[in-house]
Each structure stands twice: as C-alpha cells, then as structure tokens.
Amino acid sequence: GNGALLVVAAWGSGLPAVLTVWMAAILTLTLLRLGLVRGYRHRTMDGPGAEIWGRRYVHSALASGILWGAAGVILVGTHRLELQVFTAFILGGMTAGAVAANVSNRAVFYAFALPALLPLPPLFLLEGSRLHVVMAVLTVVFLILMSRAALRFQDTLRRSLQLDRDKAGLLSDMRVALERLEASEAGYRNLFDL
C-alpha cells in the first residue's frame, strides 16, 4: 500500500535501515488493527463492551497516525524537496481517506490525522524557503478542511440514520392505520350485509 510506495520512493535517501524498521512497524500495526477489527466482529458482548472496542480502535488509529507522522519527520528531514512533497501528498491522501473511512467515529479520524499531519508545518517552516512556508500553510489549511469535512460527514450520517428511524416509525404507524381502516371497512360491510 502507501507505506510500500513511500519506502520505494525514499529508498535512495540513505536511510534503508530506518525505512526498513518503519515499514516493519507499519506492517505489524496493520496486522494488529486487522486482528482488532476481526475480534470486534466476532465479539459476543454488548453495551459497555462496545465502548472498550471503540477505545481500542481509537488507540490503534493514534498509533497509526504516530507512525505516519514519524515518516513525515524522517523524510522531511532529508531536505530533499521531492521526498518532502511526496510525503505530504501521501499523508494528505491518507488523511482524506480517513475522513470517509471513519465517518462514524470522529475521534478515530483525529487520532490519526493530528499526529500524522501536525509535525509537517513546523518542519516545513524550519526548511526556510518561501515554498516551504507555503507548504506549511497549505498543510494547516488542509487539516482544517479535512476536520470540517469529517464533522459534516458525521452530521450527514447521523441525520441519515435519524431519517431512516423516522421512516421506519412512519411505516409502522401507516401499517397500524391501514389495519384499523381495513377492520373498520370489514365492520361496515358486515353491517350492510345483514
């Protein structure tokens, strides 16, 4: 996935050992997160147990964000513009994907996005060029826009689920009314058939 692309792009940067360890950490975390999702799907508990699983998922997203943020720190530190831009591009894409993938739980989005992106602006500013200042500003603007999108998507999901519940209630009310109408109609038929 994206981790492999980042490692391939950065392989010639003189950091093969660091990139190998980082990639091993990403793969390990990915397997742990897949196990977490699998465990959640096969759980037998309700109520408070669901909250525990939710916290675990938030923590796993935080660990992922920290690892991806570490990649940003490492690769911006190479002072190679092409790696800095590519890293920002990958992290931005991952953050945008996190908006849609985590629409039901905003905390998961923030747990990933903040540690993944927040290290970039100060590092870009330390580079000192006008282009890096613009990159720092754009990273902050992007994070703000993605945060707003996450809020909007979650609100849209909440309203959609509420409309679905309202629709189910209305359909139930309509069935009851139709049954009463049919019963009333049957009563009138019996009255006139006598």
C-alpha atoms as a PDB file:
ATOM      1  CA  GLY A   1       0.000   0.000   0.000  1.00  0.00           C
ATOM      2  CA  ASN A   2       1.018   3.560   0.704  1.00  0.00           C
ATOM      3  CA  GLY A   3       3.762   2.512   3.106  1.00  0.00           C
ATOM      4  CA  ALA A   4       5.463   0.466   0.402  1.00  0.00           C
ATOM      5  CA  LEU A   5       5.170   3.377  -2.036  1.00  0.00           C
ATOM      6  CA  LEU A   6       6.761   5.712   0.471  1.00  0.00           C
ATOM      7  CA  VAL A   7       9.616   3.295   1.166  1.00  0.00           C
ATOM      8  CA  VAL A   8      10.254   2.734  -2.558  1.00  0.00           C
ATOM      9  CA  ALA A   9      10.269   6.482  -3.212  1.00  0.00           C
ATOM     10  CA  ALA A  10      12.634   7.152  -0.301  1.00  0.00           C
ATOM     11  CA  TRP A  11      14.889   4.114  -0.629  1.00  0.00           C
ATOM     12  CA  GLY A  12      17.793   6.045  -2.218  1.00  0.00           C
ATOM     13  CA  SER A  13      17.772   8.678   0.545  1.00  0.00           C
ATOM     14  CA  GLY A  14      20.449   6.934   2.580  1.00  0.00           C
ATOM     15  CA  LEU A  15      18.037   5.649   5.234  1.00  0.00           C
ATOM     16  CA  PRO A  16      17.495   1.964   4.367  1.00  0.00           C
ATOM     17  CA  ALA A  17      17.676   0.750   7.980  1.00  0.00           C
ATOM     18  CA  VAL A  18      15.252   3.421   9.226  1.00  0.00           C
ATOM     19  CA  LEU A  19      12.855   2.766   6.345  1.00  0.00           C
ATOM     20  CA  THR A  20      13.004  -1.000   6.931  1.00  0.00           C
ATOM     21  CA  VAL A  21      12.198  -0.610  10.643  1.00  0.00           C
ATOM     22  CA  TRP A  22       9.413   1.883   9.859  1.00  0.00           C
ATOM     23  CA  MET A  23       7.891  -0.447   7.238  1.00  0.00           C
ATOM     24  CA  ALA A  24       8.061  -3.404   9.660  1.00  0.00           C
ATOM     25  CA  ALA A  25       6.268  -1.267  12.282  1.00  0.00           C
ATOM     26  CA  ILE A  26       3.572  -0.277   9.760  1.00  0.00           C
ATOM     27  CA  LEU A  27       3.035  -3.919   8.721  1.00  0.00           C
ATOM     28  CA  THR A  28       2.897  -5.064  12.352  1.00  0.00           C
ATOM     29  CA  LEU A  29       0.398  -2.361  13.273  1.00  0.00           C
ATOM     30  CA  THR A  30      -1.714  -3.149  10.204  1.00  0.00           C
ATOM     31  CA  LEU A  31      -1.902  -6.816  11.231  1.00  0.00           C
ATOM     32  CA  LEU A  32      -2.797  -5.831  14.796  1.00  0.00           C
ATOM     33  CA  ARG A  33      -5.530  -3.497  13.540  1.00  0.00           C
ATOM     34  CA  LEU A  34      -6.924  -6.218  11.262  1.00  0.00           C
ATOM     35  CA  GLY A  35      -6.985  -8.552  14.270  1.00  0.00           C
ATOM     36  CA  LEU A  36      -8.756  -5.878  16.269  1.00  0.00           C
ATOM     37  CA  VAL A  37     -11.445  -5.485  13.598  1.00  0.00           C
ATOM     38  CA  ARG A  38     -11.808  -9.263  13.326  1.00  0.00           C
ATOM     39  CA  GLY A  39     -12.093  -9.585  17.107  1.00  0.00           C
ATOM     40  CA  TYR A  40     -14.744  -6.872  17.190  1.00  0.00           C
ATOM     41  CA  ARG A  41     -16.806  -8.586  14.500  1.00  0.00           C
ATOM     42  CA  HIS A  42     -16.741 -11.873  16.427  1.00  0.00           C
ATOM     43  CA  ARG A  43     -17.444 -10.401  19.859  1.00  0.00           C
ATOM     44  CA  THR A  44     -20.345 -11.584  21.999  1.00  0.00           C
ATOM     45  CA  MET A  45     -20.657  -8.570  24.282  1.00  0.00           C
ATOM     46  CA  ASP A  46     -22.928  -5.553  24.072  1.00  0.00           C
ATOM     47  CA  GLY A  47     -23.171  -2.246  25.907  1.00  0.00           C
ATOM     48  CA  PRO A  48     -20.007  -1.260  27.771  1.00  0.00           C
ATOM     49  CA  GLY A  49     -18.001  -3.861  25.830  1.00  0.00           C
ATOM     50  CA  ALA A  50     -18.601  -1.936  22.624  1.00  0.00           C
ATOM     51  CA  GLU A  51     -17.041   1.154  24.240  1.00  0.00           C
ATOM     52  CA  ILE A  52     -13.904  -0.812  25.074  1.00  0.00           C
ATOM     53  CA  TRP A  53     -13.589  -1.926  21.461  1.00  0.00           C
ATOM     54  CA  GLY A  54     -14.137   1.670  20.336  1.00  0.00           C
ATOM     55  CA  ARG A  55     -11.324   2.906  22.583  1.00  0.00           C
ATOM     56  CA  ARG A  56      -9.050   0.178  21.281  1.00  0.00           C
ATOM     57  CA  TYR A  57      -9.750   1.278  17.728  1.00  0.00           C
ATOM     58  CA  VAL A  58      -9.071   4.923  18.587  1.00  0.00           C
ATOM     59  CA  HIS A  59      -5.772   3.888  20.178  1.00  0.00           C
ATOM     60  CA  SER A  60      -4.821   1.867  17.104  1.00  0.00           C
ATOM     61  CA  ALA A  61      -5.607   4.868  14.881  1.00  0.00           C
ATOM     62  CA  LEU A  62      -3.427   7.019  17.145  1.00  0.00           C
ATOM     63  CA  ALA A  63      -0.555   4.541  16.808  1.00  0.00           C
ATOM     64  CA  SER A  64      -1.011   4.602  13.041  1.00  0.00           C
ATOM     65  CA  GLY A  65      -1.033   8.407  12.970  1.00  0.00           C
ATOM     66  CA  ILE A  66       2.135   8.498  15.062  1.00  0.00           C
ATOM     67  CA  LEU A  67       3.914   6.080  12.714  1.00  0.00           C
ATOM     68  CA  TRP A  68       2.857   8.034   9.635  1.00  0.00           C
ATOM     69  CA  GLY A  69       3.815  11.292  11.332  1.00  0.00           C
ATOM     70  CA  ALA A  70       7.217   9.753  12.071  1.00  0.00           C
ATOM     71  CA  ALA A  71       7.608   9.061   8.348  1.00  0.00           C
ATOM     72  CA  GLY A  72       6.914  12.748   7.740  1.00  0.00           C
ATOM     73  CA  VAL A  73       9.559  13.764  10.280  1.00  0.00           C
ATOM     74  CA  ILE A  74      12.116  11.359   8.820  1.00  0.00           C
ATOM     75  CA  LEU A  75      11.535  12.231   5.176  1.00  0.00           C
ATOM     76  CA  VAL A  76      11.164  15.997   5.579  1.00  0.00           C
ATOM     77  CA  GLY A  77      14.446  15.774   7.471  1.00  0.00           C
ATOM     78  CA  THR A  78      16.175  14.500   4.322  1.00  0.00           C
ATOM     79  CA  HIS A  79      15.941  18.065   2.939  1.00  0.00           C
ATOM     80  CA  ARG A  80      15.041  16.570  -0.447  1.00  0.00           C
ATOM     81  CA  LEU A  81      12.133  18.561  -1.847  1.00  0.00           C
ATOM     82  CA  GLU A  82      10.771  15.695  -3.957  1.00  0.00           C
ATOM     83  CA  LEU A  83      10.546  13.440  -0.878  1.00  0.00           C
ATOM     84  CA  GLN A  84       9.006  16.214   1.187  1.00  0.00           C
ATOM     85  CA  VAL A  85       6.317  16.845  -1.434  1.00  0.00           C
ATOM     86  CA  PHE A  86       5.676  13.125  -1.975  1.00  0.00           C
ATOM     87  CA  THR A  87       5.423  12.530   1.780  1.00  0.00           C
ATOM     88  CA  ALA A  88       2.980  15.423   2.196  1.00  0.00           C
ATOM     89  CA  PHE A  89       0.975  14.051  -0.740  1.00  0.00           C
ATOM     90  CA  ILE A  90       0.801  10.538   0.769  1.00  0.00           C
ATOM     91  CA  LEU A  91      -0.087  11.836   4.246  1.00  0.00           C
ATOM     92  CA  GLY A  92      -2.728  14.150   2.786  1.00  0.00           C
ATOM     93  CA  GLY A  93      -4.270  11.287   0.834  1.00  0.00           C
ATOM     94  CA  MET A  94      -4.292   9.058   3.895  1.00  0.00           C
ATOM     95  CA  THR A  95      -5.955  11.825   5.907  1.00  0.00           C
ATOM     96  CA  ALA A  96      -8.602  12.378   3.239  1.00  0.00           C
ATOM     97  CA  GLY A  97      -9.263   8.638   3.204  1.00  0.00           C
ATOM     98  CA  ALA A  98      -9.571   8.677   6.989  1.00  0.00           C
ATOM     99  CA  VAL A  99     -12.441  11.176   6.701  1.00  0.00           C
ATOM    100  CA  ALA A 100     -14.567   8.699   4.760  1.00  0.00           C
ATOM    101  CA  ALA A 101     -13.322   5.528   6.469  1.00  0.00           C
ATOM    102  CA  ASN A 102     -14.009   6.848   9.963  1.00  0.00           C
ATOM    103  CA  VAL A 103     -17.196   8.819   9.397  1.00  0.00           C
ATOM    104  CA  SER A 104     -18.990   7.064  12.247  1.00  0.00           C
ATOM    105  CA  ASN A 105     -16.354   7.978  14.846  1.00  0.00           C
ATOM    106  CA  ARG A 106     -14.737  11.391  14.621  1.00  0.00           C
ATOM    107  CA  ALA A 107     -12.262  10.547  17.416  1.00  0.00           C
ATOM    108  CA  VAL A 108     -10.682   7.899  15.179  1.00  0.00           C
ATOM    109  CA  PHE A 109     -10.157  10.494  12.445  1.00  0.00           C
ATOM    110  CA  TYR A 110      -8.499  12.967  14.823  1.00  0.00           C
ATOM    111  CA  ALA A 111      -6.414  10.222  16.454  1.00  0.00           C
ATOM    112  CA  PHE A 112      -4.916   9.505  13.041  1.00  0.00           C
ATOM    113  CA  ALA A 113      -4.869  12.899  11.332  1.00  0.00           C
ATOM    114  CA  LEU A 114      -3.384  15.083  14.064  1.00  0.00           C
ATOM    115  CA  PRO A 115      -0.185  13.091  14.709  1.00  0.00           C
ATOM    116  CA  ALA A 116       0.182  12.315  11.005  1.00  0.00           C
ATOM    117  CA  LEU A 117      -0.015  15.915   9.769  1.00  0.00           C
ATOM    118  CA  LEU A 118       0.831  18.274  12.634  1.00  0.00           C
ATOM    119  CA  PRO A 119       4.596  17.587  12.547  1.00  0.00           C
ATOM    120  CA  LEU A 120       4.813  18.781   8.934  1.00  0.00           C
ATOM    121  CA  PRO A 121       4.153  22.548   9.201  1.00  0.00           C
ATOM    122  CA  PRO A 122       6.909  23.318  11.743  1.00  0.00           C
ATOM    123  CA  LEU A 123       9.334  21.118   9.827  1.00  0.00           C
ATOM    124  CA  PHE A 124       8.486  22.892   6.590  1.00  0.00           C
ATOM    125  CA  LEU A 125       8.980  26.252   8.297  1.00  0.00           C
ATOM    126  CA  LEU A 126      12.399  25.154   9.530  1.00  0.00           C
ATOM    127  CA  GLU A 127      13.402  24.498   5.923  1.00  0.00           C
ATOM    128  CA  GLY A 128      13.124  28.264   5.473  1.00  0.00           C
ATOM    129  CA  SER A 129      12.283  28.705   1.791  1.00  0.00           C
ATOM    130  CA  ARG A 130       9.205  30.536   0.524  1.00  0.00           C
ATOM    131  CA  LEU A 131       7.948  27.292  -0.995  1.00  0.00           C
ATOM    132  CA  HIS A 132       8.239  25.540   2.367  1.00  0.00           C
ATOM    133  CA  VAL A 133       6.326  28.338   4.092  1.00  0.00           C
ATOM    134  CA  VAL A 134       3.541  27.871   1.539  1.00  0.00           C
ATOM    135  CA  MET A 135       3.636  24.100   2.108  1.00  0.00           C
ATOM    136  CA  ALA A 136       3.336  24.681   5.873  1.00  0.00           C
ATOM    137  CA  VAL A 137       0.328  26.950   5.417  1.00  0.00           C
ATOM    138  CA  LEU A 138      -1.316  24.557   2.963  1.00  0.00           C
ATOM    139  CA  THR A 139      -0.853  21.646   5.356  1.00  0.00           C
ATOM    140  CA  VAL A 140      -2.613  23.560   8.128  1.00  0.00           C
ATOM    141  CA  VAL A 141      -5.423  24.657   5.770  1.00  0.00           C
ATOM    142  CA  PHE A 142      -5.783  21.086   4.516  1.00  0.00           C
ATOM    143  CA  LEU A 143      -6.056  19.726   8.064  1.00  0.00           C
ATOM    144  CA  ILE A 144      -8.704  22.340   8.921  1.00  0.00           C
ATOM    145  CA  LEU A 145     -10.702  21.496   5.776  1.00  0.00           C
ATOM    146  CA  MET A 146     -10.470  17.756   6.420  1.00  0.00           C
ATOM    147  CA  SER A 147     -11.614  18.313  10.011  1.00  0.00           C
ATOM    148  CA  ARG A 148     -14.615  20.273   8.775  1.00  0.00           C
ATOM    149  CA  ALA A 149     -15.368  17.559   6.215  1.00  0.00           C
ATOM    150  CA  ALA A 150     -15.229  14.924   8.977  1.00  0.00           C
ATOM    151  CA  LEU A 151     -17.723  16.965  11.017  1.00  0.00           C
ATOM    152  CA  ARG A 152     -20.040  17.369   8.033  1.00  0.00           C
ATOM    153  CA  PHE A 153     -19.848  13.701   7.033  1.00  0.00           C
ATOM    154  CA  GLN A 154     -20.594  12.580  10.579  1.00  0.00           C
ATOM    155  CA  ASP A 155     -23.523  15.012  10.800  1.00  0.00           C
ATOM    156  CA  THR A 156     -24.845  13.748   7.452  1.00  0.00           C
ATOM    157  CA  LEU A 157     -24.568  10.149   8.643  1.00  0.00           C
ATOM    158  CA  ARG A 158     -26.340  11.000  11.907  1.00  0.00           C
ATOM    159  CA  ARG A 159     -29.185  12.767  10.060  1.00  0.00           C
ATOM    160  CA  SER A 160     -29.473   9.921   7.551  1.00  0.00           C
ATOM    161  CA  LEU A 161     -29.761   7.343  10.336  1.00  0.00           C
ATOM    162  CA  GLN A 162     -32.342   9.516  12.115  1.00  0.00           C
ATOM    163  CA  LEU A 163     -34.376   9.845   8.906  1.00  0.00           C
ATOM    164  CA  ASP A 164     -34.211   6.072   8.498  1.00  0.00           C
ATOM    165  CA  ARG A 165     -35.546   5.603  12.056  1.00  0.00           C
ATOM    166  CA  ASP A 166     -38.253   8.214  11.415  1.00  0.00           C
ATOM    167  CA  LYS A 167     -39.226   6.459   8.185  1.00  0.00           C
ATOM    168  CA  ALA A 168     -39.465   3.109   9.998  1.00  0.00           C
ATOM    169  CA  GLY A 169     -41.712   4.733  12.615  1.00  0.00           C
ATOM    170  CA  LEU A 170     -43.934   6.268   9.949  1.00  0.00           C
ATOM    171  CA  LEU A 171     -44.228   2.955   8.107  1.00  0.00           C
ATOM    172  CA  SER A 172     -45.218   1.255  11.352  1.00  0.00           C
ATOM    173  CA  ASP A 173     -47.836   3.956  12.006  1.00  0.00           C
ATOM    174  CA  MET A 174     -49.149   3.561   8.447  1.00  0.00           C
ATOM    175  CA  ARG A 175     -49.466  -0.232   8.873  1.00  0.00           C
ATOM    176  CA  VAL A 176     -51.437   0.226  12.098  1.00  0.00           C
ATOM    177  CA  ALA A 177     -53.683   2.837  10.449  1.00  0.00           C
ATOM    178  CA  LEU A 178     -54.215   0.567   7.423  1.00  0.00           C
ATOM    179  CA  GLU A 179     -55.116  -2.386   9.673  1.00  0.00           C
ATOM    180  CA  ARG A 180     -57.639  -0.194  11.530  1.00  0.00           C
ATOM    181  CA  LEU A 181     -59.080   1.057   8.259  1.00  0.00           C
ATOM    182  CA  GLU A 182     -59.417  -2.498   6.941  1.00  0.00           C
ATOM    183  CA  ALA A 183     -61.037  -3.601  10.207  1.00  0.00           C
ATOM    184  CA  SER A 184     -63.425  -0.659  10.061  1.00  0.00           C
ATOM    185  CA  GLU A 185     -64.243  -1.373   6.427  1.00  0.00           C
ATOM    186  CA  ALA A 186     -64.916  -5.030   7.274  1.00  0.00           C
ATOM    187  CA  GLY A 187     -67.243  -3.880  10.084  1.00  0.00           C
ATOM    188  CA  TYR A 188     -69.230  -1.661   7.688  1.00  0.00           C
ATOM    189  CA  ARG A 189     -69.504  -4.494   5.165  1.00  0.00           C
ATOM    190  CA  ASN A 190     -70.842  -6.799   7.880  1.00  0.00           C
ATOM    191  CA  LEU A 191     -73.300  -4.090   8.910  1.00  0.00           C
ATOM    192  CA  PHE A 192     -74.672  -3.712   5.376  1.00  0.00           C
ATOM    193  CA  ASP A 193     -74.600  -7.451   4.587  1.00  0.00           C
ATOM    194  CA  LEU A 194     -77.107  -8.163   7.335  1.00  0.00           C
END
